[in-house]
Every structure is written in C-alpha cells, then in structure tokens.
Amino acid sequence: MKTVFEYTQRNVLVIPRALYGMRDVELIMQSRNSGIFHKCLEQDLVDVEFYSTMPCFVYIESGKEILTNCKNEHIELSASNGVFLPQGACLNSDFVKSTDRLSAYLVFFDGEVVSEFLRGFNVFPDPSSASPDHCLVTDPDDLISNFFKTIQPKLTEPGYLSSKLLELLHLIAWREVDKKLPGMLLNMSQQLPKRNLEQLLAQPDVLHLSVTDLAHLSGRSLSSFNRDFKQTFQSTPHKWLTDRRLFRAKELIDVNGFTVTAAAAELGYENVSNFIKAFKVRFGHTPKQNNPLK
C-alpha cells in the first residue's frame, strides 16, 4: 500500500479511483459512486498532476495547498477554505510542509446527487458562456467544517449519504464566492476540460504520443490545440515533438550509452533509417558521427 507521495512519483493521480488503498487517505463513507475521503499528508508534494473523473469538493482542514489550473492561475487553499471542481478537472497540486501537515476532505458527487440538487434551482445551460473551472468556497463560521463532524459512517441505510451530500452542496452554494456553482454543474458535461499545456508537455511520456493524442489529452479539438500550442510555444506541435524526440535521443546516445537502434526504438521510431535521416537534418551529422563508439 503506497502513500500519495510514493504513488505520484510515477503516476498521474486519477481521482477518486487512485485514492482507494492509499496509506494516507481514508475512505470515510461511500454510496454508489459518491464518496467522502480524508487525506492527511506528511511529505511534500510538488507539481503533482491530478484529474477528477467526478465533481469534487476539496476542503482544507489544516495546512495549505496550491492548485494550478490550465490557465496557469494559482488557487491557494488554507484552513477553512475549499474549492469545488467540475467533472474532468485537471490541475496540478503543490503542498510544502511548513508547520502543519495537510489535512483535507475530498468529496465526490455522483450524477443522481447533482441532478437532485439542481432541481431546486431555476438555471438553464448557457452554451454561449464558458463554465468556470472551479468555484472557491470560504467557511468563516465553520459551517462546512462542522458538517463533516456530523457524518455517521455506521449509518448504511439507502439514501443517507445522498441526503448528507445534498446538504453539503447547499452549504457550498451558500458559501461559494462567485455564486456560480449551479450553472457550473449544469454546464460541465457540455464542455471539454482543458489541461495546462506547459505542465502536460513537461512529462517525458508525451514524447511517445502523436499530435492527435496530445490534443485529446489536453481537452482540445485538434485545431484548438494547434492554435493554443503555437501561442504558448511559438512552434507547431509537430516541429516541437520532433525536436524534443531528437534531443532526447541524442542524450540517450551520448550520456546513457544507448545504441542508435535502441535510442530510435525508445523514442518511437519504427524505422531506424528514418531516425538517422531526421537526426542528420537536425544536428548536421548522423548519430554514429556524433558518437563514433556507437
């Protein structure tokens, strides 16, 4: 059984699925797909990417966590603050321990709970406006904090957790800063969640993907991905990927002792001749000329 820190050294955190079985995460209660978790982290976590496959509310009990969204905006959360994230949200999390460990609740709401909540609001989807990618929640009088103390995990009657989560959604809507929660919940299934391009492309695994794959992972259409990519990196995705692959291959050969064939295979080149040709175009010489011993 791993801690969150150990798991995220090699994996993207897909929540809530990845939380089950974590050593520093406790499942408090679950019904159908809804659930309440409590995490208590001791080790620093820096630039941990996570996705939420369900609407999620994060409430900080103690400590401080900084989230970064696809626009490179920082969401700073401290004790008695929370954030509501739509289904499909992708963010990066940073927790550096100062005096307090990070203690927080993570609550996931299934479609039935969300639908029941929305029946009490006179809101309609607005395809012309962008749905917010998060809703900040403040809790100055500890109403939400006290809510978690009322949870009775031993009550397993059907409908108990759903009724408690409906109560929590109303508290969140009351304390939510911009009063956009109902509209966000209604619109969230109609829009693709966009990922932060710089953080997505900083991962070494992207060198094995195609431009189409990257567009899909980024939450964009191919045309939107090409446009946003060029604005961010002043290059086309194809040229950027080719350059990164070739520089990585050069490093593998020069530093790690890879053969030309092994380096080509590592970077996804099925044809070694094509790799050698691309390498020569980029660096002005073949890989063997670059390192005669190989």
Protein backbone atom coordinates (compact mmCIF):
# COMPACT_ATOMS: atom_id res chain seq x y z
CA MET A 1 0.00 0.00 0.00
CA LYS A 2 1.56 3.31 -1.13
CA THR A 3 1.32 6.88 0.13
CA VAL A 4 0.13 9.64 -2.19
CA PHE A 5 3.75 10.80 -2.46
CA GLU A 6 5.02 7.34 -3.49
CA TYR A 7 2.21 6.81 -6.00
CA THR A 8 2.62 10.17 -7.73
CA GLN A 9 6.34 9.70 -8.39
CA ARG A 10 5.43 7.55 -11.40
CA ASN A 11 1.71 8.04 -11.93
CA VAL A 12 -0.81 10.74 -12.69
CA LEU A 13 -3.35 10.83 -9.86
CA VAL A 14 -6.79 9.98 -11.28
CA ILE A 15 -9.32 10.59 -8.53
CA PRO A 16 -11.32 9.15 -6.89
CA ARG A 17 -10.13 5.77 -8.27
CA ALA A 18 -6.50 6.19 -7.21
CA LEU A 19 -7.41 7.13 -3.63
CA TYR A 20 -8.60 3.66 -2.69
CA GLY A 21 -5.89 1.81 -0.83
CA MET A 22 -3.66 4.85 -0.27
CA ARG A 23 -1.91 4.64 3.08
CA ASP A 24 -2.51 8.32 3.95
CA VAL A 25 -6.07 8.55 2.57
CA GLU A 26 -9.10 7.21 4.47
CA LEU A 27 -12.43 6.36 2.87
CA ILE A 28 -14.97 7.67 5.36
CA MET A 29 -18.18 6.74 3.56
CA GLN A 30 -19.36 5.62 0.14
CA SER A 31 -22.70 5.03 -1.57
CA ARG A 32 -22.96 4.17 -5.26
CA ASN A 33 -20.30 6.37 -6.88
CA SER A 34 -20.43 9.15 -4.29
CA GLY A 35 -17.88 9.14 -1.51
CA ILE A 36 -16.12 11.11 1.20
CA PHE A 37 -12.37 10.73 1.72
CA HIS A 38 -9.97 12.27 4.22
CA LYS A 39 -6.30 12.75 3.38
CA CYS A 40 -3.51 13.52 5.81
CA LEU A 41 -0.17 14.19 4.10
CA GLU A 42 3.19 14.44 5.84
CA GLN A 43 5.55 14.57 2.82
CA ASP A 44 5.93 17.48 0.43
CA LEU A 45 4.16 17.10 -2.89
CA VAL A 46 5.36 19.33 -5.73
CA ASP A 47 3.70 19.71 -9.14
CA VAL A 48 1.50 16.62 -8.79
CA GLU A 49 -0.91 16.36 -11.71
CA PHE A 50 -4.36 15.01 -10.98
CA TYR A 51 -7.66 14.51 -12.78
CA SER A 52 -11.07 14.25 -11.23
CA THR A 53 -13.48 11.97 -13.07
CA MET A 54 -16.37 13.25 -10.93
CA PRO A 55 -17.47 16.60 -9.49
CA CYS A 56 -15.24 17.06 -6.46
CA PHE A 57 -15.11 19.32 -3.42
CA VAL A 58 -11.78 19.79 -1.64
CA TYR A 59 -11.95 21.26 1.86
CA ILE A 60 -8.79 22.10 3.80
CA GLU A 61 -8.90 21.21 7.47
CA SER A 62 -5.31 22.25 8.22
CA GLY A 63 -2.21 23.13 6.22
CA LYS A 64 -2.02 24.80 2.83
CA GLU A 65 -2.34 23.52 -0.73
CA ILE A 66 -1.78 25.38 -4.00
CA LEU A 67 -3.57 24.24 -7.15
CA THR A 68 -2.65 25.41 -10.66
CA ASN A 69 -5.21 25.25 -13.46
CA CYS A 70 -4.82 25.12 -17.24
CA LYS A 71 -4.51 28.93 -17.41
CA ASN A 72 -1.54 28.90 -15.00
CA GLU A 73 -3.75 30.54 -12.37
CA HIS A 74 -2.89 29.62 -8.77
CA ILE A 75 -5.64 28.65 -6.35
CA GLU A 76 -4.33 28.95 -2.80
CA LEU A 77 -6.25 26.96 -0.22
CA SER A 78 -5.72 27.19 3.52
CA ALA A 79 -7.64 26.02 6.58
CA SER A 80 -11.42 26.59 6.38
CA ASN A 81 -11.26 27.18 2.62
CA GLY A 82 -12.33 24.89 -0.18
CA VAL A 83 -12.74 24.59 -3.90
CA PHE A 84 -15.38 22.85 -5.97
CA LEU A 85 -14.06 21.25 -9.18
CA PRO A 86 -16.18 20.06 -12.10
CA GLN A 87 -16.02 16.59 -13.56
CA GLY A 88 -12.97 16.28 -15.79
CA ALA A 89 -10.97 18.92 -13.95
CA CYS A 90 -7.22 18.63 -14.41
CA LEU A 91 -4.94 20.58 -12.11
CA ASN A 92 -1.50 20.47 -10.55
CA SER A 93 -1.12 20.42 -6.79
CA ASP A 94 1.68 21.65 -4.54
CA PHE A 95 1.96 21.02 -0.81
CA VAL A 96 5.13 22.01 1.03
CA LYS A 97 5.01 21.35 4.76
CA SER A 98 5.79 24.38 6.89
CA THR A 99 4.25 23.95 10.33
CA ASP A 100 1.10 21.95 9.61
CA ARG A 101 0.64 18.72 7.73
CA LEU A 102 -2.00 18.85 5.03
CA SER A 103 -5.31 17.53 6.29
CA ALA A 104 -8.25 17.77 3.90
CA TYR A 105 -11.58 16.24 2.89
CA LEU A 106 -12.31 15.20 -0.69
CA VAL A 107 -15.96 14.69 -1.55
CA PHE A 108 -17.21 13.19 -4.82
CA PHE A 109 -20.79 13.60 -6.07
CA ASP A 110 -22.44 11.20 -8.49
CA GLY A 111 -24.91 12.26 -11.17
CA GLU A 112 -28.01 11.45 -9.15
CA VAL A 113 -26.98 13.71 -6.27
CA VAL A 114 -26.10 16.55 -8.66
CA SER A 115 -29.42 16.19 -10.54
CA GLU A 116 -31.39 16.22 -7.30
CA PHE A 117 -29.55 19.35 -6.18
CA LEU A 118 -30.18 21.18 -9.47
CA ARG A 119 -33.93 20.56 -9.30
CA GLY A 120 -34.11 23.28 -6.67
CA PHE A 121 -32.53 25.92 -8.93
CA ASN A 122 -34.05 27.79 -11.85
CA VAL A 123 -30.95 27.61 -14.06
CA PHE A 124 -30.51 26.68 -17.71
CA PRO A 125 -27.41 25.73 -19.69
CA ASP A 126 -25.75 28.66 -21.43
CA PRO A 127 -23.61 27.38 -24.32
CA SER A 128 -22.51 30.95 -25.16
CA SER A 129 -20.60 31.42 -21.91
CA ALA A 130 -17.61 29.49 -20.62
CA SER A 131 -18.25 27.46 -17.50
CA PRO A 132 -15.86 28.26 -14.61
CA ASP A 133 -13.20 25.63 -14.00
CA HIS A 134 -13.51 25.97 -10.21
CA CYS A 135 -15.60 27.63 -7.51
CA LEU A 136 -13.88 28.99 -4.40
CA VAL A 137 -15.59 28.41 -1.06
CA THR A 138 -14.93 30.21 2.23
CA ASP A 139 -16.09 28.94 5.61
CA PRO A 140 -15.57 31.76 8.14
CA ASP A 141 -18.01 30.38 10.70
CA ASP A 142 -17.02 26.70 10.28
CA LEU A 143 -20.41 25.58 8.98
CA ILE A 144 -18.78 23.23 6.48
CA SER A 145 -16.18 22.11 8.99
CA ASN A 146 -18.94 21.23 11.43
CA PHE A 147 -20.83 19.41 8.66
CA PHE A 148 -18.06 16.81 8.40
CA LYS A 149 -18.33 16.17 12.14
CA THR A 150 -21.98 15.16 11.69
CA ILE A 151 -21.20 12.34 9.26
CA GLN A 152 -22.11 8.96 10.72
CA PRO A 153 -20.15 6.29 8.79
CA LYS A 154 -22.01 3.46 10.54
CA LEU A 155 -25.35 4.55 9.07
CA THR A 156 -25.63 2.43 5.94
CA GLU A 157 -29.32 2.97 5.18
CA PRO A 158 -30.00 3.71 1.49
CA GLY A 159 -30.20 7.43 0.87
CA TYR A 160 -28.33 8.58 3.99
CA LEU A 161 -25.13 9.66 2.25
CA SER A 162 -27.08 11.18 -0.67
CA SER A 163 -29.10 13.32 1.74
CA LYS A 164 -25.92 14.46 3.51
CA LEU A 165 -24.25 15.33 0.20
CA LEU A 166 -27.31 17.35 -0.84
CA GLU A 167 -26.95 19.25 2.42
CA LEU A 168 -23.26 19.82 1.69
CA LEU A 169 -23.99 21.10 -1.84
CA HIS A 170 -26.40 23.67 -0.40
CA LEU A 171 -23.76 24.78 2.12
CA ILE A 172 -21.19 25.06 -0.68
CA ALA A 173 -23.61 27.08 -2.85
CA TRP A 174 -24.23 29.40 0.12
CA ARG A 175 -20.55 29.92 0.88
CA GLU A 176 -19.27 29.87 -2.70
CA VAL A 177 -17.66 33.22 -3.55
CA ASP A 178 -18.97 33.90 -7.07
CA LYS A 179 -22.35 32.12 -6.85
CA LYS A 180 -21.67 30.09 -9.98
CA LEU A 181 -21.97 26.55 -8.65
CA PRO A 182 -25.42 25.64 -10.07
CA GLY A 183 -24.52 26.97 -13.51
CA MET A 184 -21.19 25.16 -13.48
CA LEU A 185 -22.82 21.85 -12.55
CA LEU A 186 -25.38 22.27 -15.31
CA ASN A 187 -22.86 23.18 -18.00
CA MET A 188 -19.93 20.96 -17.02
CA SER A 189 -20.91 17.97 -19.17
CA GLN A 190 -21.16 20.16 -22.28
CA GLN A 191 -17.60 21.47 -22.34
CA LEU A 192 -14.22 19.77 -22.59
CA PRO A 193 -11.90 20.33 -19.63
CA LYS A 194 -8.69 22.00 -20.83
CA ARG A 195 -5.36 20.94 -19.40
CA ASN A 196 -2.37 23.17 -18.77
CA LEU A 197 -0.20 22.73 -21.89
CA GLU A 198 3.13 23.58 -20.26
CA GLN A 199 2.63 21.06 -17.48
CA LEU A 200 1.20 18.40 -19.79
CA LEU A 201 4.16 18.66 -22.16
CA ALA A 202 6.74 18.69 -19.38
CA GLN A 203 6.08 14.99 -18.84
CA PRO A 204 8.59 12.69 -20.61
CA ASP A 205 5.84 10.27 -21.66
CA VAL A 206 4.42 12.80 -24.16
CA LEU A 207 7.35 12.08 -26.49
CA HIS A 208 5.68 8.75 -27.31
CA LEU A 209 2.37 10.37 -28.32
CA SER A 210 1.09 11.77 -31.59
CA VAL A 211 -0.16 15.34 -32.05
CA THR A 212 -3.72 13.98 -32.21
CA ASP A 213 -3.20 12.09 -28.93
CA LEU A 214 -1.87 15.23 -27.26
CA ALA A 215 -4.83 17.28 -28.48
CA HIS A 216 -7.20 14.75 -26.96
CA LEU A 217 -5.31 14.61 -23.66
CA SER A 218 -5.24 18.39 -23.46
CA GLY A 219 -9.04 18.58 -23.70
CA ARG A 220 -8.99 20.44 -27.01
CA SER A 221 -10.00 19.84 -30.60
CA LEU A 222 -7.05 19.40 -32.96
CA SER A 223 -7.49 22.91 -34.39
CA SER A 224 -7.76 24.49 -30.92
CA PHE A 225 -4.74 22.50 -29.74
CA ASN A 226 -2.63 23.67 -32.71
CA ARG A 227 -3.67 27.28 -32.09
CA ASP A 228 -3.09 27.23 -28.32
CA PHE A 229 0.18 25.32 -28.75
CA LYS A 230 1.59 27.88 -31.18
CA GLN A 231 0.60 30.75 -28.88
CA THR A 232 2.31 29.05 -25.93
CA PHE A 233 5.46 27.64 -27.55
CA GLN A 234 5.85 29.73 -30.76
CA SER A 235 6.17 26.47 -32.68
CA THR A 236 3.94 23.89 -34.29
CA PRO A 237 3.24 20.73 -32.26
CA HIS A 238 4.83 18.52 -34.94
CA LYS A 239 8.08 20.51 -35.01
CA TRP A 240 8.21 20.72 -31.21
CA LEU A 241 7.70 16.97 -30.81
CA THR A 242 10.29 16.13 -33.46
CA ASP A 243 12.89 18.40 -31.85
CA ARG A 244 12.23 17.09 -28.36
CA ARG A 245 12.46 13.47 -29.52
CA LEU A 246 15.74 14.07 -31.33
CA PHE A 247 17.32 15.94 -28.42
CA ARG A 248 16.22 13.15 -26.10
CA ALA A 249 17.68 10.55 -28.48
CA LYS A 250 20.96 12.47 -28.60
CA GLU A 251 21.06 12.46 -24.79
CA LEU A 252 20.37 8.73 -24.66
CA ILE A 253 23.23 8.01 -27.05
CA ASP A 254 25.76 10.49 -25.62
CA VAL A 255 25.03 10.21 -21.91
CA ASN A 256 23.21 6.93 -21.33
CA GLY A 257 25.19 4.77 -23.75
CA PHE A 258 22.25 3.71 -25.94
CA THR A 259 22.94 2.28 -29.37
CA VAL A 260 21.42 4.11 -32.34
CA THR A 261 18.85 1.34 -32.77
CA ALA A 262 17.91 1.36 -29.09
CA ALA A 263 17.57 5.15 -28.99
CA ALA A 264 15.38 5.12 -32.09
CA ALA A 265 13.13 2.47 -30.59
CA GLU A 266 12.93 4.30 -27.25
CA LEU A 267 11.63 7.42 -28.98
CA GLY A 268 9.08 5.57 -31.10
CA TYR A 269 10.88 5.43 -34.45
CA GLU A 270 9.90 2.17 -36.13
CA ASN A 271 12.38 2.73 -38.97
CA VAL A 272 15.99 3.34 -37.92
CA SER A 273 16.84 4.85 -41.33
CA ASN A 274 14.15 7.49 -40.85
CA PHE A 275 15.54 8.25 -37.42
CA ILE A 276 19.10 8.65 -38.75
CA LYS A 277 17.86 10.91 -41.54
CA ALA A 278 15.89 13.13 -39.12
CA PHE A 279 18.86 13.22 -36.74
CA LYS A 280 21.18 14.37 -39.53
CA VAL A 281 18.76 17.07 -40.66
CA ARG A 282 18.50 18.41 -37.10
CA PHE A 283 22.16 18.17 -36.00
CA GLY A 284 24.09 18.17 -39.27
CA HIS A 285 25.58 14.71 -38.80
CA THR A 286 24.49 11.12 -38.18
CA PRO A 287 24.26 9.63 -34.68
CA LYS A 288 27.37 7.49 -35.30
CA GLN A 289 29.34 10.56 -36.32
CA ASN A 290 28.06 12.19 -33.16
CA ASN A 291 29.44 9.31 -31.07
CA PRO A 292 31.71 7.04 -33.14
CA LEU A 293 31.78 4.36 -30.46
CA LYS A 294 28.09 3.70 -31.09
